Amino acid sequence: MLDGLFLAAGVKSWAALVRSAKSVDIEFGTNRVAFTPTRNLGPKEGFEQLTMKVRTSPPEREAVGETLLAAFTEAE
């Protein structure tokens, strides 16, 4: 299973995949969705939330998609 993931990502190992990965944490509220970009600290340290860059949107599909993409541009 991971071989297919590595092939699709163009890497040869989990460490190589994680080194180039971006991540956004998502929290669903009643009327808002919050997206917290993260900083990639590498395969051993994981990801650190960039809480000063949190973005929120209403729960409608178009707004969620646009806000998620914007949050990924903030991820490091």
C-alpha atoms as a PDB file:
ATOM      1  CA  MET A   1       0.000   0.000   0.000  1.00  0.00           C
ATOM      2  CA  LEU A   2       2.732   2.508   0.882  1.00  0.00           C
ATOM      3  CA  ASP A   3       4.610   1.645  -2.316  1.00  0.00           C
ATOM      4  CA  GLY A   4       1.730   3.139  -4.318  1.00  0.00           C
ATOM      5  CA  LEU A   5       1.728   6.243  -2.135  1.00  0.00           C
ATOM      6  CA  PHE A   6       5.489   6.660  -2.540  1.00  0.00           C
ATOM      7  CA  LEU A   7       5.195   6.178  -6.302  1.00  0.00           C
ATOM      8  CA  ALA A   8       2.386   8.737  -6.572  1.00  0.00           C
ATOM      9  CA  ALA A   9       4.385  11.235  -4.494  1.00  0.00           C
ATOM     10  CA  GLY A  10       7.595  10.568  -6.389  1.00  0.00           C
ATOM     11  CA  VAL A  11       9.589   9.563  -3.282  1.00  0.00           C
ATOM     12  CA  LYS A  12      11.267   6.391  -2.092  1.00  0.00           C
ATOM     13  CA  SER A  13      10.650   6.480   1.667  1.00  0.00           C
ATOM     14  CA  TRP A  14       8.337   7.714   4.412  1.00  0.00           C
ATOM     15  CA  ALA A  15      10.993  10.184   5.595  1.00  0.00           C
ATOM     16  CA  ALA A  16      11.281  11.690   2.109  1.00  0.00           C
ATOM     17  CA  LEU A  17       7.496  12.006   1.881  1.00  0.00           C
ATOM     18  CA  VAL A  18       7.206  13.702   5.277  1.00  0.00           C
ATOM     19  CA  ARG A  19      10.074  16.127   4.582  1.00  0.00           C
ATOM     20  CA  SER A  20       8.136  17.595   1.643  1.00  0.00           C
ATOM     21  CA  ALA A  21       4.633  17.368   3.148  1.00  0.00           C
ATOM     22  CA  LYS A  22       2.353  20.250   4.104  1.00  0.00           C
ATOM     23  CA  SER A  23      -0.411  19.863   6.653  1.00  0.00           C
ATOM     24  CA  VAL A  24      -3.469  21.805   7.782  1.00  0.00           C
ATOM     25  CA  ASP A  25      -5.417  20.880  10.921  1.00  0.00           C
ATOM     26  CA  ILE A  26      -9.201  21.162  10.557  1.00  0.00           C
ATOM     27  CA  GLU A  27     -11.712  21.746  13.355  1.00  0.00           C
ATOM     28  CA  PHE A  28     -15.447  21.655  12.714  1.00  0.00           C
ATOM     29  CA  GLY A  29     -17.710  23.879  14.802  1.00  0.00           C
ATOM     30  CA  THR A  30     -21.455  24.369  14.652  1.00  0.00           C
ATOM     31  CA  ASN A  31     -21.351  27.296  12.229  1.00  0.00           C
ATOM     32  CA  ARG A  32     -17.638  27.616  11.389  1.00  0.00           C
ATOM     33  CA  VAL A  33     -14.779  25.503  10.128  1.00  0.00           C
ATOM     34  CA  ALA A  34     -11.285  26.437  11.341  1.00  0.00           C
ATOM     35  CA  PHE A  35      -8.128  25.636   9.388  1.00  0.00           C
ATOM     36  CA  THR A  36      -4.761  25.847  11.160  1.00  0.00           C
ATOM     37  CA  PRO A  37      -1.694  25.665   8.904  1.00  0.00           C
ATOM     38  CA  THR A  38       1.330  23.861  10.312  1.00  0.00           C
ATOM     39  CA  ARG A  39       5.111  24.051  10.086  1.00  0.00           C
ATOM     40  CA  ASN A  40       6.828  20.843   8.998  1.00  0.00           C
ATOM     41  CA  LEU A  41       9.550  19.984  11.531  1.00  0.00           C
ATOM     42  CA  GLY A  42      10.629  16.815   9.720  1.00  0.00           C
ATOM     43  CA  PRO A  43       9.986  13.089   9.992  1.00  0.00           C
ATOM     44  CA  LYS A  44      10.983  12.783  13.650  1.00  0.00           C
ATOM     45  CA  GLU A  45       9.406  15.962  15.040  1.00  0.00           C
ATOM     46  CA  GLY A  46       6.160  16.068  13.036  1.00  0.00           C
ATOM     47  CA  PHE A  47       4.133  19.238  12.551  1.00  0.00           C
ATOM     48  CA  GLU A  48       3.691  22.354  14.689  1.00  0.00           C
ATOM     49  CA  GLN A  49       0.497  24.421  14.501  1.00  0.00           C
ATOM     50  CA  LEU A  50       0.846  27.999  13.271  1.00  0.00           C
ATOM     51  CA  THR A  51      -1.968  29.294  15.463  1.00  0.00           C
ATOM     52  CA  MET A  52      -1.371  32.900  14.412  1.00  0.00           C
ATOM     53  CA  LYS A  53      -2.395  31.923  10.865  1.00  0.00           C
ATOM     54  CA  VAL A  54      -5.763  30.247  11.611  1.00  0.00           C
ATOM     55  CA  ARG A  55      -8.409  30.839   8.948  1.00  0.00           C
ATOM     56  CA  THR A  56     -12.126  30.227   9.361  1.00  0.00           C
ATOM     57  CA  SER A  57     -15.046  29.838   6.987  1.00  0.00           C
ATOM     58  CA  PRO A  58     -18.749  29.120   7.064  1.00  0.00           C
ATOM     59  CA  PRO A  59     -19.548  25.421   6.527  1.00  0.00           C
ATOM     60  CA  GLU A  60     -20.668  25.831   2.895  1.00  0.00           C
ATOM     61  CA  ARG A  61     -18.737  23.698   0.380  1.00  0.00           C
ATOM     62  CA  GLU A  62     -17.325  26.514  -1.760  1.00  0.00           C
ATOM     63  CA  ALA A  63     -16.163  28.588   1.209  1.00  0.00           C
ATOM     64  CA  VAL A  64     -14.576  25.559   2.878  1.00  0.00           C
ATOM     65  CA  GLY A  65     -12.667  24.638  -0.278  1.00  0.00           C
ATOM     66  CA  GLU A  66     -11.349  28.155  -0.856  1.00  0.00           C
ATOM     67  CA  THR A  67     -10.324  28.584   2.778  1.00  0.00           C
ATOM     68  CA  LEU A  68      -8.607  25.190   2.919  1.00  0.00           C
ATOM     69  CA  LEU A  69      -6.543  25.994  -0.180  1.00  0.00           C
ATOM     70  CA  ALA A  70      -5.628  29.378   1.308  1.00  0.00           C
ATOM     71  CA  ALA A  71      -4.537  27.666   4.556  1.00  0.00           C
ATOM     72  CA  PHE A  72      -2.263  25.324   2.596  1.00  0.00           C
ATOM     73  CA  THR A  73      -0.497  28.364   1.126  1.00  0.00           C
ATOM     74  CA  GLU A  74       0.268  29.434   4.712  1.00  0.00           C
ATOM     75  CA  ALA A  75       1.646  26.020   5.718  1.00  0.00           C
ATOM     76  CA  GLU A  76       5.415  25.773   5.973  1.00  0.00           C
END
